[in-house]
C-alpha cells in the first residue's frame, strides 16, 4: 500500500498521520472485503509506504502514470 501526502496543504504531523490512517482503512475496506483478495499483502506484513508530493498536479501525474501502465494499482483520495 502506497499512501501519497500533499505537502502544499500545510498539515501538521498529527493531521497527516490521521489522513494517512483514513486512507489506509478506506483502501482496505474498498479492496480487501472479499476473502482471499488481500491475503498475500496482509500475511507478508501489510506494508505501507508514505510518500510526499509538492502539489495536486503531482498526484495527477501519478494517476496518469498508473492508468497508462499495467500496474494494477487501486486508489482512494481522502478530502481534508
Protein backbone atom coordinates (compact mmCIF):
# COMPACT_ATOMS: atom_id res chain seq x y z
CA UNK A 1 0.00 0.00 0.00
CA UNK A 2 1.39 3.37 -1.00
CA UNK A 3 -0.04 6.50 0.61
CA UNK A 4 0.77 9.84 -1.00
CA UNK A 5 0.52 13.06 1.04
CA UNK A 6 0.36 16.55 -0.46
CA UNK A 7 2.90 18.96 1.03
CA UNK A 8 1.06 22.09 -0.17
CA UNK A 9 -1.83 21.52 2.23
CA UNK A 10 0.31 22.64 5.15
CA UNK A 11 -0.92 19.95 7.55
CA UNK A 12 0.93 19.21 10.75
CA UNK A 13 2.34 15.77 11.52
CA UNK A 14 -0.74 14.70 13.51
CA UNK A 15 -3.17 15.66 10.76
CA UNK A 16 -1.01 13.90 8.15
CA UNK A 17 -0.97 10.75 10.30
CA UNK A 18 -4.75 10.87 10.73
CA UNK A 19 -5.39 11.38 7.00
CA UNK A 20 -2.95 8.59 6.09
CA UNK A 21 -4.73 6.29 8.53
CA UNK A 22 -8.11 7.18 6.99
CA UNK A 23 -6.74 6.39 3.53
CA UNK A 24 -5.31 3.05 4.68
CA UNK A 25 -8.58 1.98 6.31
CA UNK A 26 -10.68 3.04 3.31
CA UNK A 27 -8.40 1.26 0.83
CA UNK A 28 -8.56 -1.88 2.95
CA UNK A 29 -12.36 -1.71 3.19
CA UNK A 30 -12.77 -0.98 -0.50
CA UNK A 31 -10.43 -3.58 -1.97
CA UNK A 32 -9.93 -6.24 0.68
CA UNK A 33 -13.51 -7.03 1.60
CA UNK A 34 -13.54 -10.24 -0.48
CA UNK A 35 -11.91 -13.28 1.18
CA UNK A 36 -8.52 -14.08 -0.27
CA UNK A 37 -8.10 -10.84 -2.22
CA UNK A 38 -5.52 -9.27 0.09
CA UNK A 39 -4.24 -12.32 1.97
CA UNK A 40 -0.77 -12.13 0.44
CA UNK A 41 -0.41 -8.42 1.31
CA UNK A 42 -1.72 -8.95 4.83
CA UNK A 43 0.26 -12.14 5.50
CA UNK A 44 3.53 -10.52 4.44
CA UNK A 45 3.26 -7.71 6.97
CA UNK A 46 0.63 -5.41 5.43
CA UNK A 47 3.37 -3.00 4.39
CA UNK A 48 2.55 0.65 3.88
CA UNK A 49 4.77 3.32 2.31
CA UNK A 50 4.04 7.03 2.74
CA UNK A 51 5.33 9.41 0.07
CA UNK A 52 5.12 13.18 -0.20
CA UNK A 53 4.34 15.26 -3.29
CA UNK A 54 4.50 19.03 -3.61
CA UNK A 55 1.03 19.70 -5.02
CA UNK A 56 -2.14 18.26 -6.53
CA UNK A 57 -0.65 18.35 -10.04
CA UNK A 58 1.91 15.78 -8.89
CA UNK A 59 -0.93 13.46 -7.86
CA UNK A 60 -2.43 13.87 -11.33
CA UNK A 61 0.88 12.80 -12.84
CA UNK A 62 0.99 9.71 -10.64
CA UNK A 63 -2.59 8.85 -11.56
CA UNK A 64 -1.87 9.20 -15.29
CA UNK A 65 1.22 7.01 -14.97
CA UNK A 66 -0.80 4.39 -13.12
CA UNK A 67 -3.53 4.41 -15.77
CA UNK A 68 -1.19 4.25 -18.77
CA UNK A 69 0.78 1.28 -17.46
CA UNK A 70 -0.44 -2.06 -16.19
CA UNK A 71 0.41 -1.51 -12.52
CA UNK A 72 -2.92 -2.82 -11.24
CA UNK A 73 -2.88 -0.14 -8.55
CA UNK A 74 -6.02 0.93 -6.77
CA UNK A 75 -6.58 4.35 -5.27
CA UNK A 76 -8.64 6.27 -2.76
CA UNK A 77 -8.46 10.00 -2.08
CA UNK A 78 -9.34 11.46 1.30
CA UNK A 79 -10.69 15.00 1.50
CA UNK A 80 -9.30 17.35 4.13
